[in-house]
Amino acid sequence: MSCLETKIASDTNRHVDGTNLFLSCECANVSLAVPTLWYRNGGLIGHSRSVRFLDRDPQIRKLILVPAHVSDSANYSCSVGNATGNAISIVVLEFLGPEISLNRSYYDGCEGDSLSVDVNFKNVDSLIGLILLFANMHVDNDVYVYNETQQSLLFDGLNSSYSGEWSVHVSNSHGSATADFTLNITVCNTHSTGHRVIFSRQDFFVCLVALAWYCMVYSWL
């Protein structure tokens, strides 16, 4: 029996620059002896340092780009020769720029405390290109630490000079993205134990009444 039709497959037609790309050419009822040819924009693809062929499965032949870059965007096709002729399918690869989002856009903090800003990245393999801006000025790495596991920016030893508008900028070879957030750092009252004291309006009213009662009693003495 022979292969009557090929089917080219990929996890997605949209791909991230700098990552490995696997394309599969599926063809049923064909032996490994039948050759598979791959084409980019109609031109035959040959072996190179960044192109590999994997033909261990007679029904699924693979083309691997190690890695794939924006310059690899093209129409790809596979052809399996057999007695009934060659059948070709085509897939177009697109490459994506980075995406960035924040869970919150406003953060309150106290001087001397630590603060974590959650940041979500997409289509970014390495955060070497991460840039943090404050008041449109580049911020040195000693001001913050990026926690890759929790995807967050960690600020330690906050002070009031951190208050203002911040921007997180990230890029890859296909584009860039920016997200903004605001920090409001204030001096917080603490006990000698270091615990923060927070007064609500109700607490303030109770204290005011107690003070008035004390003054009235004191005047009677």
N, C-alpha and C. Protein backbone atom coordinates (compact mmCIF):
# COMPACT_ATOMS: atom_id res chain seq x y z
N MET A 1 0.85 -1.20 0.00
CA MET A 1 0.00 0.00 0.00
C MET A 1 0.89 1.24 0.00
N SER A 2 0.37 2.37 -0.47
CA SER A 2 1.16 3.58 -0.59
C SER A 2 0.46 4.74 0.10
N CYS A 3 1.23 5.80 0.33
CA CYS A 3 0.70 7.00 0.95
C CYS A 3 -0.03 7.84 -0.09
N LEU A 4 -1.31 8.11 0.16
CA LEU A 4 -2.10 8.87 -0.80
C LEU A 4 -2.12 10.37 -0.49
N GLU A 5 -1.88 10.71 0.78
CA GLU A 5 -1.93 12.12 1.16
C GLU A 5 -1.05 12.36 2.38
N THR A 6 -0.32 13.46 2.39
CA THR A 6 0.47 13.83 3.55
C THR A 6 -0.25 14.90 4.35
N LYS A 7 0.08 14.98 5.61
CA LYS A 7 -0.48 16.00 6.48
C LYS A 7 0.65 16.57 7.32
N ILE A 8 0.85 17.88 7.23
CA ILE A 8 1.90 18.52 8.02
C ILE A 8 1.27 19.06 9.30
N ALA A 9 1.94 18.90 10.42
CA ALA A 9 1.36 19.26 11.71
C ALA A 9 2.39 19.96 12.57
N SER A 10 1.90 20.88 13.41
CA SER A 10 2.72 21.57 14.39
C SER A 10 1.85 21.84 15.60
N ASP A 11 2.49 22.05 16.77
CA ASP A 11 1.71 22.36 17.97
C ASP A 11 0.91 23.65 17.78
N THR A 12 1.50 24.58 17.08
CA THR A 12 0.82 25.83 16.78
C THR A 12 1.47 26.47 15.57
N ASN A 13 0.67 27.18 14.78
CA ASN A 13 1.22 27.89 13.64
C ASN A 13 1.94 29.17 14.06
N ARG A 14 1.71 29.59 15.29
CA ARG A 14 2.38 30.77 15.82
C ARG A 14 3.47 30.28 16.77
N HIS A 15 4.64 30.82 16.60
CA HIS A 15 5.78 30.26 17.33
C HIS A 15 6.62 31.36 17.94
N VAL A 16 7.33 31.03 19.01
CA VAL A 16 8.16 31.99 19.74
C VAL A 16 9.59 31.94 19.25
N ASP A 17 10.13 33.10 18.95
CA ASP A 17 11.51 33.18 18.48
C ASP A 17 12.49 32.62 19.51
N GLY A 18 13.47 31.86 19.02
CA GLY A 18 14.53 31.36 19.89
C GLY A 18 14.26 30.02 20.53
N THR A 19 13.12 29.40 20.26
CA THR A 19 12.82 28.07 20.81
C THR A 19 12.84 27.03 19.70
N ASN A 20 13.01 25.77 20.09
CA ASN A 20 13.04 24.70 19.10
C ASN A 20 11.64 24.48 18.51
N LEU A 21 11.61 24.18 17.23
CA LEU A 21 10.34 23.97 16.53
C LEU A 21 10.31 22.58 15.91
N PHE A 22 9.21 21.85 16.15
CA PHE A 22 9.04 20.51 15.61
C PHE A 22 7.87 20.54 14.61
N LEU A 23 8.13 20.12 13.38
CA LEU A 23 7.08 19.95 12.38
C LEU A 23 7.00 18.47 12.03
N SER A 24 5.79 17.94 11.97
CA SER A 24 5.58 16.53 11.66
C SER A 24 4.91 16.37 10.31
N CYS A 25 5.42 15.45 9.50
CA CYS A 25 4.81 15.11 8.22
C CYS A 25 4.20 13.72 8.37
N GLU A 26 2.87 13.67 8.43
CA GLU A 26 2.17 12.42 8.69
C GLU A 26 1.71 11.77 7.38
N CYS A 27 2.01 10.48 7.24
CA CYS A 27 1.62 9.76 6.03
C CYS A 27 1.44 8.28 6.37
N ALA A 28 0.21 7.78 6.25
CA ALA A 28 -0.09 6.41 6.65
C ALA A 28 0.32 5.41 5.57
N ASN A 29 0.57 4.19 6.00
CA ASN A 29 0.82 3.06 5.10
C ASN A 29 2.01 3.29 4.17
N VAL A 30 3.13 3.68 4.74
CA VAL A 30 4.33 3.89 3.94
C VAL A 30 5.53 3.41 4.74
N SER A 31 6.52 2.85 4.07
CA SER A 31 7.70 2.32 4.74
C SER A 31 8.76 3.39 4.87
N LEU A 32 9.76 3.13 5.75
CA LEU A 32 10.85 4.06 5.94
C LEU A 32 11.69 4.22 4.69
N ALA A 33 11.60 3.25 3.79
CA ALA A 33 12.39 3.32 2.56
C ALA A 33 11.92 4.43 1.64
N VAL A 34 10.67 4.85 1.81
CA VAL A 34 10.14 5.93 0.98
C VAL A 34 10.66 7.26 1.51
N PRO A 35 11.35 8.05 0.69
CA PRO A 35 11.96 9.30 1.18
C PRO A 35 10.95 10.40 1.46
N THR A 36 11.32 11.27 2.40
CA THR A 36 10.52 12.45 2.72
C THR A 36 11.34 13.69 2.37
N LEU A 37 10.72 14.61 1.69
CA LEU A 37 11.39 15.86 1.33
C LEU A 37 10.65 17.03 1.98
N TRP A 38 11.42 17.98 2.49
CA TRP A 38 10.86 19.17 3.12
C TRP A 38 11.21 20.40 2.29
N TYR A 39 10.27 21.35 2.23
CA TYR A 39 10.47 22.55 1.44
C TYR A 39 10.14 23.79 2.27
N ARG A 40 10.90 24.85 2.06
CA ARG A 40 10.62 26.16 2.64
C ARG A 40 10.38 27.14 1.49
N ASN A 41 9.16 27.65 1.43
CA ASN A 41 8.77 28.53 0.31
C ASN A 41 9.09 27.91 -1.05
N GLY A 42 8.87 26.61 -1.15
CA GLY A 42 9.08 25.90 -2.41
C GLY A 42 10.50 25.43 -2.65
N GLY A 43 11.45 25.86 -1.81
CA GLY A 43 12.83 25.43 -1.98
C GLY A 43 13.17 24.26 -1.08
N LEU A 44 13.92 23.29 -1.60
CA LEU A 44 14.27 22.10 -0.84
C LEU A 44 15.13 22.45 0.36
N ILE A 45 14.79 21.88 1.53
CA ILE A 45 15.54 22.11 2.76
C ILE A 45 16.58 21.02 2.93
N GLY A 46 17.82 21.40 3.12
CA GLY A 46 18.88 20.43 3.34
C GLY A 46 19.35 20.46 4.79
N HIS A 47 20.24 19.51 5.13
CA HIS A 47 20.80 19.46 6.47
C HIS A 47 21.65 20.69 6.73
N SER A 48 21.61 21.17 7.99
CA SER A 48 22.49 22.24 8.43
C SER A 48 22.60 22.16 9.95
N ARG A 49 23.34 23.08 10.55
CA ARG A 49 23.50 23.05 12.01
C ARG A 49 22.19 23.30 12.73
N SER A 50 21.27 24.02 12.11
CA SER A 50 20.01 24.36 12.76
C SER A 50 18.82 23.56 12.23
N VAL A 51 19.07 22.64 11.27
CA VAL A 51 17.98 21.83 10.69
C VAL A 51 18.29 20.35 10.88
N ARG A 52 17.33 19.63 11.44
CA ARG A 52 17.50 18.20 11.66
C ARG A 52 16.27 17.46 11.15
N PHE A 53 16.51 16.22 10.69
CA PHE A 53 15.42 15.37 10.21
C PHE A 53 15.34 14.13 11.07
N LEU A 54 14.13 13.73 11.43
CA LEU A 54 13.92 12.55 12.25
C LEU A 54 12.89 11.66 11.56
N ASP A 55 13.34 10.49 11.07
CA ASP A 55 12.48 9.59 10.29
C ASP A 55 12.38 8.20 10.91
N ARG A 56 12.36 8.12 12.24
CA ARG A 56 12.32 6.82 12.90
C ARG A 56 10.96 6.15 12.78
N ASP A 57 9.91 6.94 12.72
CA ASP A 57 8.55 6.42 12.57
C ASP A 57 8.16 6.54 11.10
N PRO A 58 7.82 5.44 10.42
CA PRO A 58 7.50 5.50 9.00
C PRO A 58 6.29 6.37 8.69
N GLN A 59 5.38 6.53 9.65
CA GLN A 59 4.16 7.29 9.40
C GLN A 59 4.27 8.75 9.83
N ILE A 60 5.28 9.07 10.64
CA ILE A 60 5.46 10.45 11.10
C ILE A 60 6.93 10.85 10.91
N ARG A 61 7.20 11.67 9.92
CA ARG A 61 8.55 12.17 9.67
C ARG A 61 8.62 13.58 10.24
N LYS A 62 9.75 13.93 10.88
CA LYS A 62 9.82 15.21 11.57
C LYS A 62 10.95 16.09 11.04
N LEU A 63 10.65 17.38 11.02
CA LEU A 63 11.63 18.41 10.74
C LEU A 63 11.81 19.22 12.02
N ILE A 64 13.06 19.41 12.46
CA ILE A 64 13.33 20.12 13.71
C ILE A 64 14.24 21.30 13.41
N LEU A 65 13.81 22.49 13.81
CA LEU A 65 14.64 23.69 13.70
C LEU A 65 15.19 24.01 15.09
N VAL A 66 16.53 24.03 15.21
CA VAL A 66 17.19 24.14 16.51
C VAL A 66 18.15 25.33 16.53
N PRO A 67 17.69 26.49 17.05
CA PRO A 67 16.29 26.85 17.32
C PRO A 67 15.70 27.52 16.10
N ALA A 68 14.43 27.89 16.20
CA ALA A 68 13.76 28.63 15.13
C ALA A 68 13.82 30.12 15.44
N HIS A 69 14.01 30.92 14.39
CA HIS A 69 14.08 32.37 14.56
C HIS A 69 13.10 33.05 13.62
N VAL A 70 12.97 34.35 13.79
CA VAL A 70 12.04 35.12 12.97
C VAL A 70 12.35 34.91 11.49
N SER A 71 13.62 34.79 11.16
CA SER A 71 14.00 34.60 9.75
C SER A 71 13.50 33.28 9.18
N ASP A 72 13.04 32.34 10.05
CA ASP A 72 12.52 31.06 9.58
C ASP A 72 11.03 31.12 9.24
N SER A 73 10.41 32.28 9.39
CA SER A 73 9.00 32.42 9.00
C SER A 73 8.85 32.13 7.52
N ALA A 74 7.99 31.20 7.16
CA ALA A 74 7.87 30.79 5.76
C ALA A 74 6.70 29.83 5.58
N ASN A 75 6.46 29.44 4.34
CA ASN A 75 5.55 28.34 4.02
C ASN A 75 6.37 27.05 4.02
N TYR A 76 5.98 26.09 4.85
CA TYR A 76 6.68 24.81 4.92
C TYR A 76 5.80 23.72 4.32
N SER A 77 6.42 22.81 3.61
CA SER A 77 5.67 21.70 3.02
C SER A 77 6.50 20.43 3.09
N CYS A 78 5.81 19.30 3.11
CA CYS A 78 6.49 18.00 3.09
C CYS A 78 5.96 17.19 1.92
N SER A 79 6.79 16.34 1.40
CA SER A 79 6.42 15.52 0.25
C SER A 79 6.95 14.12 0.46
N VAL A 80 6.06 13.13 0.34
CA VAL A 80 6.45 11.72 0.45
C VAL A 80 6.23 11.08 -0.91
N GLY A 81 7.32 10.67 -1.53
CA GLY A 81 7.20 10.09 -2.86
C GLY A 81 6.59 8.69 -2.81
N ASN A 82 5.67 8.40 -3.73
CA ASN A 82 5.09 7.05 -3.84
C ASN A 82 4.51 6.88 -5.24
N ALA A 83 3.98 5.72 -5.49
CA ALA A 83 3.54 5.39 -6.85
C ALA A 83 2.39 6.27 -7.32
N THR A 84 1.63 6.81 -6.37
CA THR A 84 0.48 7.62 -6.77
C THR A 84 0.83 9.10 -6.92
N GLY A 85 2.07 9.47 -6.67
CA GLY A 85 2.47 10.86 -6.80
C GLY A 85 2.76 11.49 -5.45
N ASN A 86 3.17 12.73 -5.46
CA ASN A 86 3.53 13.45 -4.25
C ASN A 86 2.37 14.34 -3.79
N ALA A 87 2.06 14.25 -2.51
CA ALA A 87 1.02 15.10 -1.92
C ALA A 87 1.68 16.10 -0.98
N ILE A 88 1.26 17.33 -1.02
CA ILE A 88 1.91 18.38 -0.24
C ILE A 88 0.88 19.15 0.59
N SER A 89 1.23 19.38 1.85
CA SER A 89 0.43 20.24 2.72
C SER A 89 1.32 21.40 3.17
N ILE A 90 0.72 22.51 3.53
CA ILE A 90 1.49 23.72 3.84
C ILE A 90 1.07 24.29 5.19
N VAL A 91 2.04 24.80 5.96
CA VAL A 91 1.78 25.51 7.20
C VAL A 91 2.63 26.78 7.20
N VAL A 92 2.07 27.87 7.70
CA VAL A 92 2.78 29.14 7.78
C VAL A 92 3.12 29.42 9.25
N LEU A 93 4.38 29.71 9.51
CA LEU A 93 4.83 30.00 10.87
C LEU A 93 4.85 31.50 11.10
N GLU A 94 4.31 31.91 12.23
CA GLU A 94 4.39 33.30 12.64
C GLU A 94 5.14 33.37 13.96
N PHE A 95 5.82 34.47 14.21
CA PHE A 95 6.58 34.62 15.45
C PHE A 95 5.99 35.74 16.29
N LEU A 96 6.00 35.53 17.60
CA LEU A 96 5.30 36.41 18.52
C LEU A 96 6.26 37.28 19.32
N GLY A 97 5.86 38.51 19.53
CA GLY A 97 6.58 39.37 20.45
C GLY A 97 6.20 39.03 21.88
N PRO A 98 6.90 39.58 22.85
CA PRO A 98 6.63 39.25 24.26
C PRO A 98 5.33 39.88 24.75
N GLU A 99 4.77 39.30 25.80
CA GLU A 99 3.60 39.85 26.46
C GLU A 99 3.89 39.94 27.95
N ILE A 100 3.35 40.97 28.59
CA ILE A 100 3.58 41.17 30.02
C ILE A 100 2.30 41.71 30.66
N SER A 101 1.99 41.25 31.86
CA SER A 101 0.83 41.74 32.59
C SER A 101 1.12 41.71 34.08
N LEU A 102 0.42 42.58 34.82
CA LEU A 102 0.57 42.67 36.27
C LEU A 102 -0.75 42.31 36.93
N ASN A 103 -0.67 41.61 38.07
CA ASN A 103 -1.89 41.29 38.81
C ASN A 103 -2.51 42.54 39.44
N ARG A 104 -1.67 43.52 39.76
CA ARG A 104 -2.14 44.77 40.34
C ARG A 104 -1.35 45.91 39.74
N SER A 105 -1.92 47.11 39.78
CA SER A 105 -1.23 48.28 39.24
C SER A 105 -0.87 49.28 40.34
N TYR A 106 -1.26 48.99 41.60
CA TYR A 106 -0.99 49.93 42.70
C TYR A 106 -0.61 49.13 43.94
N TYR A 107 0.47 49.55 44.61
CA TYR A 107 0.97 48.85 45.79
C TYR A 107 1.27 49.85 46.90
N ASP A 108 0.81 49.55 48.12
CA ASP A 108 1.17 50.31 49.31
C ASP A 108 2.24 49.55 50.07
N GLY A 109 3.16 50.29 50.69
CA GLY A 109 4.20 49.65 51.48
C GLY A 109 4.70 50.57 52.56
N CYS A 110 5.43 50.00 53.53
CA CYS A 110 5.99 50.77 54.64
C CYS A 110 7.51 50.82 54.51
N GLU A 111 8.09 51.94 54.91
CA GLU A 111 9.54 52.07 54.87
C GLU A 111 10.20 50.95 55.68
N GLY A 112 11.25 50.36 55.09
CA GLY A 112 11.98 49.29 55.75
C GLY A 112 11.44 47.90 55.48
N ASP A 113 10.22 47.80 54.96
CA ASP A 113 9.61 46.51 54.68
C ASP A 113 10.05 45.98 53.31
N SER A 114 9.60 44.76 53.00
CA SER A 114 9.80 44.16 51.68
C SER A 114 8.47 44.17 50.92
N LEU A 115 8.56 44.13 49.61
CA LEU A 115 7.36 44.18 48.78
C LEU A 115 7.57 43.31 47.55
N SER A 116 6.52 42.57 47.18
CA SER A 116 6.57 41.70 46.01
C SER A 116 5.56 42.18 44.97
N VAL A 117 6.02 42.38 43.74
CA VAL A 117 5.16 42.79 42.63
C VAL A 117 5.06 41.63 41.64
N ASP A 118 3.87 41.05 41.50
CA ASP A 118 3.68 39.90 40.62
C ASP A 118 3.68 40.33 39.16
N VAL A 119 4.48 39.64 38.34
CA VAL A 119 4.62 39.96 36.93
C VAL A 119 4.43 38.68 36.12
N ASN A 120 3.61 38.73 35.08
CA ASN A 120 3.36 37.57 34.23
C ASN A 120 3.93 37.82 32.84
N PHE A 121 4.81 36.90 32.39
CA PHE A 121 5.44 37.03 31.08
C PHE A 121 4.96 35.93 30.15
N LYS A 122 4.90 36.23 28.86
CA LYS A 122 4.63 35.24 27.82
C LYS A 122 5.59 35.49 26.65
N ASN A 123 5.95 34.40 25.98
CA ASN A 123 6.80 34.46 24.79
C ASN A 123 8.17 35.04 25.08
N VAL A 124 8.65 34.76 26.28
CA VAL A 124 9.99 35.23 26.67
C VAL A 124 10.74 34.04 27.25
N ASP A 125 11.83 33.63 26.59
CA ASP A 125 12.60 32.48 27.07
C ASP A 125 13.61 32.88 28.13
N SER A 126 14.14 34.09 28.04
CA SER A 126 15.15 34.55 28.98
C SER A 126 14.81 35.98 29.39
N LEU A 127 14.97 36.28 30.68
CA LEU A 127 14.67 37.62 31.16
C LEU A 127 15.93 38.47 31.26
N ILE A 128 16.93 38.11 30.45
CA ILE A 128 18.13 38.94 30.40
C ILE A 128 17.76 40.34 29.92
N GLY A 129 16.73 40.41 29.06
CA GLY A 129 16.32 41.69 28.50
C GLY A 129 15.34 42.46 29.37
N LEU A 130 15.12 42.03 30.63
CA LEU A 130 14.20 42.73 31.51
C LEU A 130 14.81 44.06 31.96
N ILE A 131 14.03 45.14 31.83
CA ILE A 131 14.47 46.46 32.26
C ILE A 131 13.41 47.05 33.18
N LEU A 132 13.83 47.57 34.32
CA LEU A 132 12.92 48.22 35.26
C LEU A 132 13.20 49.72 35.23
N LEU A 133 12.14 50.51 35.04
CA LEU A 133 12.27 51.96 34.94
C LEU A 133 11.51 52.62 36.08
N PHE A 134 12.09 53.68 36.64
CA PHE A 134 11.42 54.50 37.65
C PHE A 134 11.55 55.95 37.22
N ALA A 135 10.39 56.61 37.06
CA ALA A 135 10.37 57.98 36.55
C ALA A 135 11.14 58.07 35.23
N ASN A 136 10.95 57.03 34.39
CA ASN A 136 11.58 56.94 33.06
C ASN A 136 13.09 56.81 33.12
N MET A 137 13.63 56.46 34.28
CA MET A 137 15.07 56.25 34.43
C MET A 137 15.34 54.77 34.72
N HIS A 138 16.43 54.25 34.15
CA HIS A 138 16.80 52.85 34.34
C HIS A 138 17.17 52.60 35.80
N VAL A 139 16.67 51.47 36.34
CA VAL A 139 16.90 51.11 37.75
C VAL A 139 17.95 50.01 37.81
N ASP A 140 18.95 50.17 38.67
CA ASP A 140 20.00 49.16 38.82
C ASP A 140 19.44 47.89 39.45
N ASN A 141 20.13 46.78 39.19
CA ASN A 141 19.66 45.48 39.70
C ASN A 141 19.75 45.36 41.21
N ASP A 142 20.53 46.22 41.88
CA ASP A 142 20.64 46.10 43.33
C ASP A 142 19.40 46.62 44.05
N VAL A 143 18.47 47.25 43.31
CA VAL A 143 17.24 47.76 43.91
C VAL A 143 16.20 46.65 44.03
N TYR A 144 16.23 45.68 43.12
CA TYR A 144 15.22 44.64 43.10
C TYR A 144 15.85 43.29 42.73
N VAL A 145 15.10 42.22 42.99
CA VAL A 145 15.49 40.87 42.59
C VAL A 145 14.30 40.24 41.89
N TYR A 146 14.54 39.60 40.74
CA TYR A 146 13.44 38.90 40.06
C TYR A 146 13.41 37.45 40.50
N ASN A 147 12.27 37.04 41.05
CA ASN A 147 12.07 35.65 41.48
C ASN A 147 11.41 34.90 40.34
N GLU A 148 12.20 34.07 39.61
CA GLU A 148 11.67 33.40 38.42
C GLU A 148 10.63 32.36 38.77
N THR A 149 10.78 31.70 39.93
CA THR A 149 9.83 30.66 40.34
C THR A 149 8.45 31.26 40.58
N GLN A 150 8.39 32.38 41.31
CA GLN A 150 7.12 33.01 41.64
C GLN A 150 6.73 34.10 40.64
N GLN A 151 7.59 34.35 39.66
CA GLN A 151 7.36 35.42 38.68
C GLN A 151 6.99 36.72 39.39
N SER A 152 7.93 37.25 40.16
CA SER A 152 7.67 38.48 40.89
C SER A 152 8.95 39.29 41.05
N LEU A 153 8.77 40.60 41.15
CA LEU A 153 9.86 41.52 41.46
C LEU A 153 9.87 41.75 42.96
N LEU A 154 11.01 41.52 43.61
CA LEU A 154 11.11 41.65 45.05
C LEU A 154 11.90 42.90 45.41
N PHE A 155 11.27 43.79 46.18
CA PHE A 155 11.94 44.99 46.69
C PHE A 155 12.19 44.80 48.17
N ASP A 156 13.42 45.05 48.62
CA ASP A 156 13.78 44.87 50.03
C ASP A 156 14.28 46.21 50.57
N GLY A 157 13.92 46.51 51.82
CA GLY A 157 14.35 47.76 52.42
C GLY A 157 13.74 48.97 51.74
N LEU A 158 12.40 49.00 51.67
CA LEU A 158 11.71 50.09 51.00
C LEU A 158 11.98 51.43 51.68
N ASN A 159 11.99 52.49 50.90
CA ASN A 159 12.04 53.84 51.46
C ASN A 159 11.14 54.74 50.62
N SER A 160 10.85 55.91 51.17
CA SER A 160 9.87 56.80 50.54
C SER A 160 10.29 57.26 49.15
N SER A 161 11.58 57.18 48.85
CA SER A 161 12.04 57.59 47.52
C SER A 161 11.55 56.63 46.43
N TYR A 162 11.05 55.45 46.82
CA TYR A 162 10.51 54.49 45.85
C TYR A 162 9.10 54.86 45.40
N SER A 163 8.46 55.81 46.09
CA SER A 163 7.09 56.17 45.74
C SER A 163 7.05 56.82 44.36
N GLY A 164 6.14 56.35 43.52
CA GLY A 164 6.01 56.93 42.19
C GLY A 164 5.65 55.90 41.14
N GLU A 165 5.80 56.26 39.89
CA GLU A 165 5.43 55.42 38.76
C GLU A 165 6.61 54.56 38.30
N TRP A 166 6.37 53.26 38.17
CA TRP A 166 7.37 52.30 37.73
C TRP A 166 6.91 51.62 36.44
N SER A 167 7.88 51.13 35.67
CA SER A 167 7.56 50.41 34.43
C SER A 167 8.46 49.19 34.32
N VAL A 168 7.86 48.07 33.89
CA VAL A 168 8.62 46.85 33.61
C VAL A 168 8.65 46.68 32.10
N HIS A 169 9.84 46.57 31.54
CA HIS A 169 10.01 46.48 30.10
C HIS A 169 10.73 45.18 29.77
N VAL A 170 10.21 44.41 28.82
CA VAL A 170 10.83 43.16 28.42
C VAL A 170 10.78 43.06 26.90
N SER A 171 11.75 42.36 26.31
CA SER A 171 11.80 42.29 24.85
C SER A 171 12.38 40.96 24.39
N ASN A 172 12.06 40.59 23.17
CA ASN A 172 12.76 39.52 22.47
C ASN A 172 13.06 40.05 21.06
N SER A 173 13.56 39.21 20.19
CA SER A 173 13.99 39.68 18.88
C SER A 173 12.83 40.05 17.97
N HIS A 174 11.58 39.85 18.45
CA HIS A 174 10.43 40.14 17.60
C HIS A 174 9.57 41.27 18.14
N GLY A 175 10.00 41.89 19.23
CA GLY A 175 9.21 43.00 19.75
C GLY A 175 9.51 43.27 21.22
N SER A 176 8.70 44.12 21.82
CA SER A 176 8.86 44.49 23.22
C SER A 176 7.50 44.77 23.83
N ALA A 177 7.45 44.79 25.16
CA ALA A 177 6.20 45.06 25.88
C ALA A 177 6.52 45.74 27.20
N THR A 178 5.58 46.56 27.67
CA THR A 178 5.78 47.32 28.91
C THR A 178 4.52 47.28 29.76
N ALA A 179 4.69 47.18 31.07
CA ALA A 179 3.57 47.27 32.02
C ALA A 179 3.95 48.26 33.12
N ASP A 180 2.98 49.04 33.59
CA ASP A 180 3.24 50.09 34.57
C ASP A 180 2.57 49.76 35.91
N PHE A 181 3.21 50.22 37.00
CA PHE A 181 2.60 50.09 38.32
C PHE A 181 3.07 51.26 39.19
N THR A 182 2.33 51.50 40.27
CA THR A 182 2.62 52.61 41.18
C THR A 182 2.94 52.08 42.56
N LEU A 183 3.99 52.62 43.17
CA LEU A 183 4.34 52.31 44.55
C LEU A 183 4.06 53.53 45.43
N ASN A 184 3.45 53.28 46.59
CA ASN A 184 3.21 54.33 47.58
C ASN A 184 3.84 53.88 48.89
N ILE A 185 5.01 54.40 49.21
CA ILE A 185 5.77 53.98 50.39
C ILE A 185 5.67 55.07 51.45
N THR A 186 5.20 54.70 52.63
CA THR A 186 5.03 55.67 53.72
C THR A 186 5.69 55.17 54.99
N VAL A 187 5.83 56.08 55.97
CA VAL A 187 6.35 55.71 57.29
C VAL A 187 5.20 55.17 58.12
N CYS A 188 5.32 53.95 58.61
CA CYS A 188 4.25 53.32 59.39
C CYS A 188 4.65 53.28 60.85
N ASN A 189 3.70 53.61 61.76
CA ASN A 189 3.96 53.54 63.20
C ASN A 189 4.11 52.10 63.64
N THR A 190 5.04 51.85 64.55
CA THR A 190 5.27 50.49 65.06
C THR A 190 5.44 50.51 66.56
N HIS A 191 5.08 49.40 67.22
CA HIS A 191 5.40 49.19 68.62
C HIS A 191 6.88 48.88 68.74
N SER A 192 7.37 48.80 69.96
CA SER A 192 8.76 48.40 70.18
C SER A 192 9.00 46.98 69.70
N THR A 193 7.92 46.18 69.61
CA THR A 193 8.05 44.81 69.12
C THR A 193 8.20 44.76 67.62
N GLY A 194 7.96 45.88 66.96
CA GLY A 194 8.10 45.91 65.51
C GLY A 194 6.80 45.68 64.78
N HIS A 195 5.70 45.42 65.52
CA HIS A 195 4.42 45.19 64.86
C HIS A 195 3.80 46.51 64.44
N ARG A 196 3.21 46.54 63.28
CA ARG A 196 2.63 47.75 62.74
C ARG A 196 1.34 48.08 63.48
N VAL A 197 1.15 49.40 63.77
CA VAL A 197 -0.06 49.87 64.43
C VAL A 197 -0.95 50.53 63.38
N ILE A 198 -2.17 50.04 63.27
CA ILE A 198 -3.10 50.59 62.29
C ILE A 198 -4.32 51.11 63.03
N PHE A 199 -4.62 52.42 62.93
CA PHE A 199 -5.75 53.03 63.59
C PHE A 199 -6.88 53.25 62.59
N SER A 200 -8.04 52.72 62.93
CA SER A 200 -9.21 52.98 62.10
C SER A 200 -9.91 54.23 62.63
N ARG A 201 -10.91 54.72 61.91
CA ARG A 201 -11.67 55.88 62.37
C ARG A 201 -12.39 55.58 63.67
N GLN A 202 -12.85 54.35 63.82
CA GLN A 202 -13.55 53.97 65.06
C GLN A 202 -12.59 54.01 66.25
N ASP A 203 -11.35 53.51 66.04
CA ASP A 203 -10.36 53.55 67.11
C ASP A 203 -10.07 54.99 67.52
N PHE A 204 -9.95 55.87 66.53
CA PHE A 204 -9.65 57.27 66.81
C PHE A 204 -10.78 57.90 67.62
N PHE A 205 -12.05 57.59 67.27
CA PHE A 205 -13.20 58.14 67.98
C PHE A 205 -13.23 57.66 69.43
N VAL A 206 -12.93 56.38 69.64
CA VAL A 206 -12.92 55.82 71.00
C VAL A 206 -11.84 56.50 71.83
N CYS A 207 -10.67 56.71 71.24
CA CYS A 207 -9.57 57.37 71.96
C CYS A 207 -9.95 58.81 72.31
N LEU A 208 -10.62 59.48 71.38
CA LEU A 208 -11.03 60.86 71.61
C LEU A 208 -12.03 60.95 72.75
N VAL A 209 -13.01 60.05 72.82
CA VAL A 209 -14.01 60.03 73.89
C VAL A 209 -13.33 59.74 75.22
N ALA A 210 -12.41 58.78 75.22
CA ALA A 210 -11.70 58.43 76.45
C ALA A 210 -10.89 59.60 76.97
N LEU A 211 -10.26 60.34 76.06
CA LEU A 211 -9.47 61.49 76.46
C LEU A 211 -10.36 62.58 77.05
N ALA A 212 -11.52 62.80 76.44
CA ALA A 212 -12.45 63.82 76.96
C ALA A 212 -12.96 63.42 78.35
N TRP A 213 -13.27 62.16 78.54
CA TRP A 213 -13.74 61.67 79.85
C TRP A 213 -12.65 61.82 80.90
N TYR A 214 -11.40 61.55 80.53
CA TYR A 214 -10.28 61.69 81.47
C TYR A 214 -10.12 63.14 81.88
N CYS A 215 -10.21 64.06 80.91
CA CYS A 215 -10.05 65.47 81.22
C CYS A 215 -11.18 65.97 82.13
N MET A 216 -12.39 65.48 81.92
CA MET A 216 -13.53 65.90 82.73
C MET A 216 -13.37 65.39 84.16
N VAL A 217 -12.98 64.15 84.31
CA VAL A 217 -12.78 63.58 85.65
C VAL A 217 -11.66 64.30 86.36
N TYR A 218 -10.60 64.62 85.63
CA TYR A 218 -9.44 65.28 86.22
C TYR A 218 -9.83 66.67 86.73
N SER A 219 -10.76 67.34 85.99
CA SER A 219 -11.18 68.70 86.42
C SER A 219 -12.01 68.67 87.68
N TRP A 220 -12.63 67.53 88.00
CA TRP A 220 -13.44 67.41 89.22
C TRP A 220 -12.59 67.22 90.46
N LEU A 221 -11.36 66.75 90.26
CA LEU A 221 -10.51 66.44 91.40
C LEU A 221 -9.91 67.71 92.00
